[in-house]
Amino acid sequence: SIKMDPFLAVAYYLRALCHVDSRCHDAALADFNLALDCLRSAPLINYRQLGLKHRLYACDLLYNMCGSECVCVC
């Protein structure tokens, strides 16, 4: 889905979570940053208009991003 729509923040977010599960924290941080860039300072993106049942909240993204960053530093 990232190839079809490089501005789909939720795709980067979900891929980042997969990287976290695989313990690839550097790759996760990169995808979290891309998702954050796609949010463009909005507090959330509601994907209902696209037929998806997902809302991406900036606070969830930042929370998971901090967790990955702490693992990278330690």
C-alpha atoms as a PDB file:
ATOM      1  CA  SER A   1       0.000   0.000   0.000  1.00  0.00           C
ATOM      2  CA  ILE A   2       2.962   2.356   0.496  1.00  0.00           C
ATOM      3  CA  LYS A   3       3.928   1.998  -3.157  1.00  0.00           C
ATOM      4  CA  MET A   4       0.363   2.833  -4.218  1.00  0.00           C
ATOM      5  CA  ASP A   5       0.039   5.802  -1.842  1.00  0.00           C
ATOM      6  CA  PRO A   6       3.251   7.145  -0.293  1.00  0.00           C
ATOM      7  CA  PHE A   7       1.200   9.579   1.838  1.00  0.00           C
ATOM      8  CA  LEU A   8      -0.796   6.868   3.644  1.00  0.00           C
ATOM      9  CA  ALA A   9       0.447   7.472   7.180  1.00  0.00           C
ATOM     10  CA  VAL A  10      -1.314   4.441   8.611  1.00  0.00           C
ATOM     11  CA  ALA A  11       0.672   2.156   6.285  1.00  0.00           C
ATOM     12  CA  TYR A  12       3.967   3.487   7.662  1.00  0.00           C
ATOM     13  CA  TYR A  13       2.621   3.207  11.205  1.00  0.00           C
ATOM     14  CA  LEU A  14       1.555  -0.420  10.792  1.00  0.00           C
ATOM     15  CA  ARG A  15       4.840  -1.336   9.098  1.00  0.00           C
ATOM     16  CA  ALA A  16       6.679   0.332  11.986  1.00  0.00           C
ATOM     17  CA  LEU A  17       4.758  -1.827  14.457  1.00  0.00           C
ATOM     18  CA  CYS A  18       5.822  -4.910  12.475  1.00  0.00           C
ATOM     19  CA  HIS A  19       9.426  -3.724  12.719  1.00  0.00           C
ATOM     20  CA  VAL A  20       9.023  -3.323  16.487  1.00  0.00           C
ATOM     21  CA  ASP A  21       7.733  -6.890  16.758  1.00  0.00           C
ATOM     22  CA  SER A  22      10.752  -8.050  14.744  1.00  0.00           C
ATOM     23  CA  ARG A  23      13.081  -6.026  17.010  1.00  0.00           C
ATOM     24  CA  CYS A  24      14.196  -3.869  14.068  1.00  0.00           C
ATOM     25  CA  HIS A  25      13.934  -0.649  16.040  1.00  0.00           C
ATOM     26  CA  ASP A  26      15.963   1.545  13.668  1.00  0.00           C
ATOM     27  CA  ALA A  27      13.634   0.633  10.799  1.00  0.00           C
ATOM     28  CA  ALA A  28      10.646   1.189  13.091  1.00  0.00           C
ATOM     29  CA  LEU A  29      11.860   4.684  13.976  1.00  0.00           C
ATOM     30  CA  ALA A  30      12.292   5.529  10.302  1.00  0.00           C
ATOM     31  CA  ASP A  31       8.709   4.451   9.542  1.00  0.00           C
ATOM     32  CA  PHE A  32       7.314   6.232  12.604  1.00  0.00           C
ATOM     33  CA  ASN A  33       9.010   9.414  11.369  1.00  0.00           C
ATOM     34  CA  LEU A  34       7.518   8.969   7.893  1.00  0.00           C
ATOM     35  CA  ALA A  35       4.066   8.448   9.396  1.00  0.00           C
ATOM     36  CA  LEU A  36       4.504  11.559  11.516  1.00  0.00           C
ATOM     37  CA  ASP A  37       5.497  13.559   8.427  1.00  0.00           C
ATOM     38  CA  CYS A  38       2.334  12.351   6.672  1.00  0.00           C
ATOM     39  CA  LEU A  39       0.197  13.568   9.580  1.00  0.00           C
ATOM     40  CA  ARG A  40       1.317  17.157   8.852  1.00  0.00           C
ATOM     41  CA  SER A  41       0.769  18.313  12.449  1.00  0.00           C
ATOM     42  CA  ALA A  42      -2.817  17.011  12.520  1.00  0.00           C
ATOM     43  CA  PRO A  43      -3.877  15.352  15.794  1.00  0.00           C
ATOM     44  CA  LEU A  44      -5.422  12.434  13.876  1.00  0.00           C
ATOM     45  CA  ILE A  45      -6.320  11.103  10.466  1.00  0.00           C
ATOM     46  CA  ASN A  46      -9.650   9.381  10.045  1.00  0.00           C
ATOM     47  CA  TYR A  47      -9.522   6.914   7.152  1.00  0.00           C
ATOM     48  CA  ARG A  48     -13.295   6.342   7.076  1.00  0.00           C
ATOM     49  CA  GLN A  49     -13.542   8.388   3.855  1.00  0.00           C
ATOM     50  CA  LEU A  50     -11.313   5.792   2.212  1.00  0.00           C
ATOM     51  CA  GLY A  51     -13.444   2.917   3.476  1.00  0.00           C
ATOM     52  CA  LEU A  52     -10.979   1.917   6.193  1.00  0.00           C
ATOM     53  CA  LYS A  53     -11.982   1.463   9.818  1.00  0.00           C
ATOM     54  CA  HIS A  54      -8.817   3.013  11.154  1.00  0.00           C
ATOM     55  CA  ARG A  55      -7.990   6.291  12.856  1.00  0.00           C
ATOM     56  CA  LEU A  56      -4.364   7.181  13.328  1.00  0.00           C
ATOM     57  CA  TYR A  57      -3.814   9.405  16.355  1.00  0.00           C
ATOM     58  CA  ALA A  58      -0.625  11.410  16.668  1.00  0.00           C
ATOM     59  CA  CYS A  59      -0.443  10.544  20.385  1.00  0.00           C
ATOM     60  CA  ASP A  60      -0.413   6.785  19.620  1.00  0.00           C
ATOM     61  CA  LEU A  61       2.258   7.286  17.010  1.00  0.00           C
ATOM     62  CA  LEU A  62       4.442   9.362  19.352  1.00  0.00           C
ATOM     63  CA  TYR A  63       3.983   6.893  22.226  1.00  0.00           C
ATOM     64  CA  ASN A  64       5.169   3.953  20.122  1.00  0.00           C
ATOM     65  CA  MET A  65       7.926   6.058  18.608  1.00  0.00           C
ATOM     66  CA  CYS A  66       9.287   6.893  22.072  1.00  0.00           C
ATOM     67  CA  GLY A  67       9.268   3.231  23.024  1.00  0.00           C
ATOM     68  CA  SER A  68      11.347   2.327  19.990  1.00  0.00           C
ATOM     69  CA  GLU A  69      13.730   5.195  20.552  1.00  0.00           C
ATOM     70  CA  CYS A  70      14.335   4.129  24.159  1.00  0.00           C
ATOM     71  CA  VAL A  71      15.236   0.625  23.002  1.00  0.00           C
ATOM     72  CA  CYS A  72      17.663   2.013  20.420  1.00  0.00           C
ATOM     73  CA  VAL A  73      19.442   4.170  22.979  1.00  0.00           C
ATOM     74  CA  CYS A  74      19.748   1.511  25.685  1.00  0.00           C
END
